[in-house]
Amino acid sequence: MTFQELFPAGLPQSPQSPAFPATSRYSGLPLATAELDGRQVRYVTRRFVPQPERFALLREHAVAEGERPDTLAAAELGDPERYWQLCDANGVLDPAELTAVLGRRLRITLPEGVPGAADA
């Protein structure tokens, strides 16, 4: 079962960050204001990348020739812009690392905080 089948509407959006859709890696992060050259500038607070062990595993995927982070995210999560979730689940900062090695076993997981069968 894919993420999109489990959560067709995505995860709920936080009222703290209305500028970002629920599918964004910045959704739910608080916004802050700083003064810069006499102007008030709003910004998103720092996002800490979670440890891969905090994600409930759905399955593994072996990287095949021609796959890219966005095409893999589209196939596995239903949205090419969610490649960052694959990065988080596999402890990768550079998305290109996900598909750089053919045959690499990638963890396909639920988002952080969503319990899986093993957590129930």
N, C-alpha and C. Protein backbone atom coordinates (compact mmCIF):
# COMPACT_ATOMS: atom_id res chain seq x y z
N MET A 1 0.85 -1.17 0.00
CA MET A 1 0.00 0.00 0.00
C MET A 1 0.90 1.24 0.00
N THR A 2 0.55 2.22 -0.80
CA THR A 2 1.35 3.45 -0.89
C THR A 2 0.91 4.46 0.16
N PHE A 3 1.76 5.45 0.38
CA PHE A 3 1.42 6.52 1.31
C PHE A 3 0.13 7.20 0.88
N GLN A 4 0.01 7.45 -0.43
CA GLN A 4 -1.17 8.15 -0.94
C GLN A 4 -2.45 7.35 -0.68
N GLU A 5 -2.37 6.02 -0.76
CA GLU A 5 -3.54 5.20 -0.47
C GLU A 5 -3.89 5.27 1.01
N LEU A 6 -2.85 5.33 1.86
CA LEU A 6 -3.10 5.41 3.30
C LEU A 6 -3.62 6.78 3.72
N PHE A 7 -3.07 7.83 3.10
CA PHE A 7 -3.41 9.21 3.46
C PHE A 7 -3.72 10.02 2.20
N PRO A 8 -4.88 9.81 1.58
CA PRO A 8 -5.19 10.49 0.31
C PRO A 8 -5.19 12.01 0.39
N ALA A 9 -5.49 12.57 1.54
CA ALA A 9 -5.50 14.03 1.68
C ALA A 9 -4.18 14.55 2.23
N GLY A 10 -3.21 13.68 2.45
CA GLY A 10 -1.94 14.09 3.04
C GLY A 10 -2.10 14.23 4.54
N LEU A 11 -1.04 14.64 5.18
CA LEU A 11 -1.09 14.86 6.63
C LEU A 11 -1.74 16.20 6.91
N PRO A 12 -2.38 16.37 8.05
CA PRO A 12 -3.03 17.64 8.35
C PRO A 12 -2.03 18.79 8.40
N GLN A 13 -2.46 19.92 7.89
CA GLN A 13 -1.61 21.11 7.87
C GLN A 13 -1.68 21.83 9.20
N SER A 14 -0.55 22.31 9.66
CA SER A 14 -0.49 23.03 10.92
C SER A 14 -0.89 24.49 10.70
N PRO A 15 -1.67 25.06 11.60
CA PRO A 15 -2.02 26.48 11.46
C PRO A 15 -0.83 27.39 11.69
N GLN A 16 0.27 26.83 12.23
CA GLN A 16 1.46 27.64 12.47
C GLN A 16 2.18 28.01 11.18
N SER A 17 2.03 27.22 10.15
CA SER A 17 2.75 27.50 8.91
C SER A 17 1.81 27.41 7.70
N PRO A 18 0.83 28.32 7.64
CA PRO A 18 -0.17 28.25 6.58
C PRO A 18 0.39 28.46 5.18
N ALA A 19 1.62 28.96 5.06
CA ALA A 19 2.18 29.20 3.73
C ALA A 19 2.66 27.91 3.07
N PHE A 20 2.72 26.81 3.82
CA PHE A 20 3.25 25.56 3.28
C PHE A 20 2.18 24.48 3.27
N PRO A 21 2.07 23.77 2.16
CA PRO A 21 1.08 22.68 2.11
C PRO A 21 1.47 21.55 3.05
N ALA A 22 0.53 20.69 3.36
CA ALA A 22 0.77 19.58 4.28
C ALA A 22 1.86 18.65 3.77
N THR A 23 2.12 18.63 2.48
CA THR A 23 3.14 17.75 1.92
C THR A 23 4.55 18.34 1.99
N SER A 24 4.67 19.58 2.43
CA SER A 24 5.97 20.25 2.47
C SER A 24 6.78 19.81 3.68
N ARG A 25 8.08 19.73 3.51
CA ARG A 25 8.95 19.42 4.65
C ARG A 25 8.90 20.52 5.70
N TYR A 26 8.39 21.69 5.35
CA TYR A 26 8.30 22.81 6.29
C TYR A 26 6.94 22.93 6.96
N SER A 27 5.99 22.11 6.56
CA SER A 27 4.67 22.14 7.17
C SER A 27 4.79 21.81 8.65
N GLY A 28 4.15 22.60 9.47
CA GLY A 28 4.16 22.36 10.90
C GLY A 28 5.28 23.06 11.64
N LEU A 29 6.25 23.60 10.92
CA LEU A 29 7.32 24.33 11.59
C LEU A 29 6.83 25.73 11.94
N PRO A 30 7.15 26.19 13.12
CA PRO A 30 6.71 27.54 13.51
C PRO A 30 7.38 28.62 12.65
N LEU A 31 6.66 29.68 12.46
CA LEU A 31 7.21 30.84 11.79
C LEU A 31 7.70 31.81 12.86
N ALA A 32 8.75 32.53 12.55
CA ALA A 32 9.31 33.51 13.47
C ALA A 32 9.52 34.81 12.71
N THR A 33 9.78 35.88 13.45
CA THR A 33 10.02 37.19 12.85
C THR A 33 11.35 37.73 13.36
N ALA A 34 12.09 38.31 12.45
CA ALA A 34 13.36 38.95 12.81
C ALA A 34 13.38 40.34 12.19
N GLU A 35 14.13 41.23 12.82
CA GLU A 35 14.28 42.56 12.26
C GLU A 35 15.57 42.58 11.45
N LEU A 36 15.45 43.00 10.20
CA LEU A 36 16.59 43.02 9.29
C LEU A 36 16.58 44.35 8.56
N ASP A 37 17.59 45.18 8.81
CA ASP A 37 17.67 46.50 8.18
C ASP A 37 16.41 47.32 8.41
N GLY A 38 15.85 47.23 9.63
CA GLY A 38 14.66 47.99 9.96
C GLY A 38 13.37 47.37 9.46
N ARG A 39 13.44 46.24 8.78
CA ARG A 39 12.24 45.57 8.27
C ARG A 39 11.97 44.33 9.11
N GLN A 40 10.69 44.00 9.24
CA GLN A 40 10.29 42.76 9.89
C GLN A 40 10.25 41.66 8.82
N VAL A 41 11.04 40.63 9.03
CA VAL A 41 11.12 39.53 8.07
C VAL A 41 10.65 38.25 8.75
N ARG A 42 9.67 37.57 8.13
CA ARG A 42 9.19 36.30 8.66
C ARG A 42 9.99 35.18 8.04
N TYR A 43 10.27 34.17 8.84
CA TYR A 43 11.02 33.03 8.34
C TYR A 43 10.56 31.76 9.05
N VAL A 44 10.89 30.65 8.44
CA VAL A 44 10.57 29.34 9.02
C VAL A 44 11.71 28.96 9.95
N THR A 45 11.37 28.50 11.13
CA THR A 45 12.40 28.09 12.07
C THR A 45 13.11 26.83 11.56
N ARG A 46 14.20 26.53 12.18
CA ARG A 46 15.05 25.43 11.74
C ARG A 46 14.32 24.09 11.81
N ARG A 47 14.54 23.30 10.77
CA ARG A 47 13.99 21.94 10.73
C ARG A 47 15.10 20.96 11.08
N PHE A 48 14.88 20.18 12.10
CA PHE A 48 15.84 19.16 12.48
C PHE A 48 15.46 17.87 11.77
N VAL A 49 16.43 17.28 11.08
CA VAL A 49 16.17 16.05 10.33
C VAL A 49 16.07 14.90 11.34
N PRO A 50 14.95 14.17 11.30
CA PRO A 50 14.76 13.08 12.26
C PRO A 50 15.66 11.89 11.95
N GLN A 51 15.89 11.07 12.95
CA GLN A 51 16.67 9.85 12.78
C GLN A 51 15.84 8.85 11.98
N PRO A 52 16.46 8.14 11.03
CA PRO A 52 15.72 7.17 10.21
C PRO A 52 14.98 6.11 11.03
N GLU A 53 15.49 5.76 12.19
CA GLU A 53 14.85 4.73 13.02
C GLU A 53 13.48 5.17 13.54
N ARG A 54 13.19 6.44 13.45
CA ARG A 54 11.91 6.96 13.95
C ARG A 54 10.76 6.76 12.98
N PHE A 55 11.04 6.20 11.81
CA PHE A 55 10.02 6.00 10.80
C PHE A 55 9.58 4.54 10.76
N ALA A 56 8.29 4.30 10.65
CA ALA A 56 7.76 2.95 10.54
C ALA A 56 7.97 2.45 9.10
N LEU A 57 8.65 1.33 8.97
CA LEU A 57 8.97 0.76 7.67
C LEU A 57 7.74 0.13 7.02
N LEU A 58 7.49 0.50 5.76
CA LEU A 58 6.44 -0.15 4.97
C LEU A 58 7.04 -1.29 4.16
N ARG A 59 8.17 -1.01 3.50
CA ARG A 59 8.85 -2.00 2.65
C ARG A 59 10.20 -1.43 2.25
N GLU A 60 10.97 -2.23 1.54
CA GLU A 60 12.23 -1.77 0.96
C GLU A 60 12.08 -1.75 -0.55
N HIS A 61 12.92 -0.94 -1.18
CA HIS A 61 12.90 -0.80 -2.64
C HIS A 61 14.35 -0.84 -3.13
N ALA A 62 14.62 -1.68 -4.12
CA ALA A 62 15.94 -1.74 -4.73
C ALA A 62 16.00 -0.74 -5.88
N VAL A 63 16.97 0.15 -5.87
CA VAL A 63 17.10 1.18 -6.90
C VAL A 63 17.40 0.51 -8.24
N ALA A 64 16.62 0.89 -9.25
CA ALA A 64 16.79 0.36 -10.60
C ALA A 64 17.36 1.45 -11.51
N GLU A 65 17.90 1.02 -12.63
CA GLU A 65 18.49 1.96 -13.59
C GLU A 65 17.45 2.97 -14.07
N GLY A 66 17.85 4.22 -14.12
CA GLY A 66 16.99 5.29 -14.62
C GLY A 66 16.12 5.93 -13.55
N GLU A 67 16.10 5.40 -12.36
CA GLU A 67 15.28 6.01 -11.31
C GLU A 67 15.94 7.27 -10.79
N ARG A 68 15.11 8.24 -10.44
CA ARG A 68 15.56 9.48 -9.84
C ARG A 68 14.77 9.67 -8.54
N PRO A 69 15.27 10.52 -7.66
CA PRO A 69 14.54 10.74 -6.41
C PRO A 69 13.08 11.17 -6.63
N ASP A 70 12.84 12.03 -7.61
CA ASP A 70 11.47 12.50 -7.84
C ASP A 70 10.59 11.42 -8.43
N THR A 71 11.11 10.62 -9.36
CA THR A 71 10.28 9.55 -9.95
C THR A 71 10.01 8.45 -8.93
N LEU A 72 10.99 8.20 -8.08
CA LEU A 72 10.81 7.20 -7.02
C LEU A 72 9.75 7.68 -6.02
N ALA A 73 9.82 8.96 -5.64
CA ALA A 73 8.82 9.52 -4.72
C ALA A 73 7.43 9.49 -5.35
N ALA A 74 7.34 9.76 -6.63
CA ALA A 74 6.04 9.71 -7.31
C ALA A 74 5.48 8.29 -7.28
N ALA A 75 6.32 7.31 -7.55
CA ALA A 75 5.87 5.92 -7.59
C ALA A 75 5.53 5.39 -6.20
N GLU A 76 6.34 5.71 -5.22
CA GLU A 76 6.18 5.14 -3.88
C GLU A 76 5.29 5.96 -2.95
N LEU A 77 5.31 7.28 -3.11
CA LEU A 77 4.57 8.15 -2.19
C LEU A 77 3.44 8.91 -2.86
N GLY A 78 3.37 8.81 -4.19
CA GLY A 78 2.28 9.46 -4.91
C GLY A 78 2.50 10.92 -5.23
N ASP A 79 3.71 11.44 -4.97
CA ASP A 79 3.99 12.85 -5.21
C ASP A 79 5.50 13.03 -5.40
N PRO A 80 5.94 13.50 -6.58
CA PRO A 80 7.38 13.65 -6.82
C PRO A 80 8.05 14.66 -5.90
N GLU A 81 7.30 15.61 -5.37
CA GLU A 81 7.88 16.62 -4.50
C GLU A 81 8.13 16.10 -3.08
N ARG A 82 7.75 14.87 -2.81
CA ARG A 82 7.95 14.28 -1.48
C ARG A 82 9.24 13.47 -1.40
N TYR A 83 10.17 13.70 -2.35
CA TYR A 83 11.46 13.00 -2.32
C TYR A 83 12.17 13.21 -0.99
N TRP A 84 11.92 14.33 -0.34
CA TRP A 84 12.57 14.63 0.93
C TRP A 84 12.20 13.62 2.00
N GLN A 85 11.01 13.01 1.90
CA GLN A 85 10.63 11.99 2.87
C GLN A 85 11.49 10.74 2.69
N LEU A 86 11.84 10.43 1.46
CA LEU A 86 12.74 9.31 1.20
C LEU A 86 14.13 9.62 1.76
N CYS A 87 14.56 10.86 1.59
CA CYS A 87 15.86 11.27 2.16
C CYS A 87 15.85 11.10 3.68
N ASP A 88 14.82 11.61 4.33
CA ASP A 88 14.73 11.51 5.79
C ASP A 88 14.75 10.05 6.24
N ALA A 89 13.97 9.21 5.58
CA ALA A 89 13.84 7.81 5.99
C ALA A 89 15.12 7.01 5.76
N ASN A 90 16.00 7.52 4.91
CA ASN A 90 17.23 6.80 4.59
C ASN A 90 18.49 7.52 5.06
N GLY A 91 18.33 8.57 5.86
CA GLY A 91 19.48 9.27 6.41
C GLY A 91 20.35 9.94 5.37
N VAL A 92 19.72 10.49 4.34
CA VAL A 92 20.44 11.10 3.22
C VAL A 92 20.14 12.59 3.18
N LEU A 93 21.17 13.41 3.03
CA LEU A 93 20.96 14.85 2.90
C LEU A 93 20.88 15.29 1.44
N ASP A 94 21.65 14.66 0.57
CA ASP A 94 21.66 14.98 -0.86
C ASP A 94 20.74 14.00 -1.58
N PRO A 95 19.62 14.47 -2.15
CA PRO A 95 18.68 13.56 -2.80
C PRO A 95 19.32 12.67 -3.87
N ALA A 96 20.34 13.16 -4.56
CA ALA A 96 20.98 12.36 -5.61
C ALA A 96 21.59 11.08 -5.05
N GLU A 97 21.95 11.08 -3.77
CA GLU A 97 22.51 9.87 -3.15
C GLU A 97 21.51 8.72 -3.12
N LEU A 98 20.23 9.03 -3.08
CA LEU A 98 19.22 7.98 -3.00
C LEU A 98 19.33 6.99 -4.15
N THR A 99 19.55 7.50 -5.35
CA THR A 99 19.52 6.64 -6.54
C THR A 99 20.87 6.52 -7.23
N ALA A 100 21.94 6.94 -6.57
CA ALA A 100 23.27 6.93 -7.19
C ALA A 100 23.83 5.53 -7.38
N VAL A 101 23.42 4.58 -6.55
CA VAL A 101 23.96 3.22 -6.60
C VAL A 101 22.84 2.25 -6.97
N LEU A 102 22.97 1.59 -8.11
CA LEU A 102 21.98 0.61 -8.53
C LEU A 102 21.93 -0.53 -7.51
N GLY A 103 20.73 -0.95 -7.21
CA GLY A 103 20.54 -2.04 -6.26
C GLY A 103 20.49 -1.61 -4.81
N ARG A 104 20.79 -0.35 -4.54
CA ARG A 104 20.73 0.12 -3.14
C ARG A 104 19.34 -0.13 -2.59
N ARG A 105 19.27 -0.63 -1.38
CA ARG A 105 17.99 -0.91 -0.73
C ARG A 105 17.55 0.34 0.03
N LEU A 106 16.45 0.93 -0.42
CA LEU A 106 15.92 2.12 0.22
C LEU A 106 14.75 1.75 1.11
N ARG A 107 14.66 2.42 2.23
CA ARG A 107 13.54 2.23 3.15
C ARG A 107 12.39 3.12 2.67
N ILE A 108 11.23 2.50 2.45
CA ILE A 108 10.01 3.22 2.16
C ILE A 108 9.21 3.18 3.45
N THR A 109 8.96 4.35 4.01
CA THR A 109 8.38 4.41 5.35
C THR A 109 7.15 5.31 5.40
N LEU A 110 6.47 5.20 6.52
CA LEU A 110 5.43 6.17 6.84
C LEU A 110 6.13 7.43 7.32
N PRO A 111 5.47 8.58 7.29
CA PRO A 111 6.09 9.80 7.81
C PRO A 111 6.39 9.67 9.30
N GLU A 112 7.30 10.48 9.76
CA GLU A 112 7.65 10.47 11.18
C GLU A 112 6.41 10.69 12.03
N GLY A 113 6.29 9.91 13.07
CA GLY A 113 5.16 10.06 14.00
C GLY A 113 3.94 9.26 13.63
N VAL A 114 3.90 8.68 12.42
CA VAL A 114 2.78 7.85 12.03
C VAL A 114 3.16 6.41 12.34
N PRO A 115 2.47 5.78 13.29
CA PRO A 115 2.86 4.43 13.68
C PRO A 115 2.52 3.42 12.60
N GLY A 116 3.37 2.41 12.51
CA GLY A 116 3.13 1.31 11.56
C GLY A 116 2.66 0.08 12.29
N ALA A 117 2.53 -1.00 11.57
CA ALA A 117 2.04 -2.26 12.15
C ALA A 117 2.93 -2.71 13.30
N ALA A 118 4.26 -2.52 13.16
CA ALA A 118 5.19 -2.95 14.20
C ALA A 118 5.06 -2.11 15.46
N ASP A 119 4.53 -0.89 15.32
CA ASP A 119 4.42 0.02 16.46
C ASP A 119 3.09 -0.13 17.20
N ALA A 120 2.14 -0.80 16.57
CA ALA A 120 0.79 -0.89 17.14
C ALA A 120 0.73 -1.84 18.33
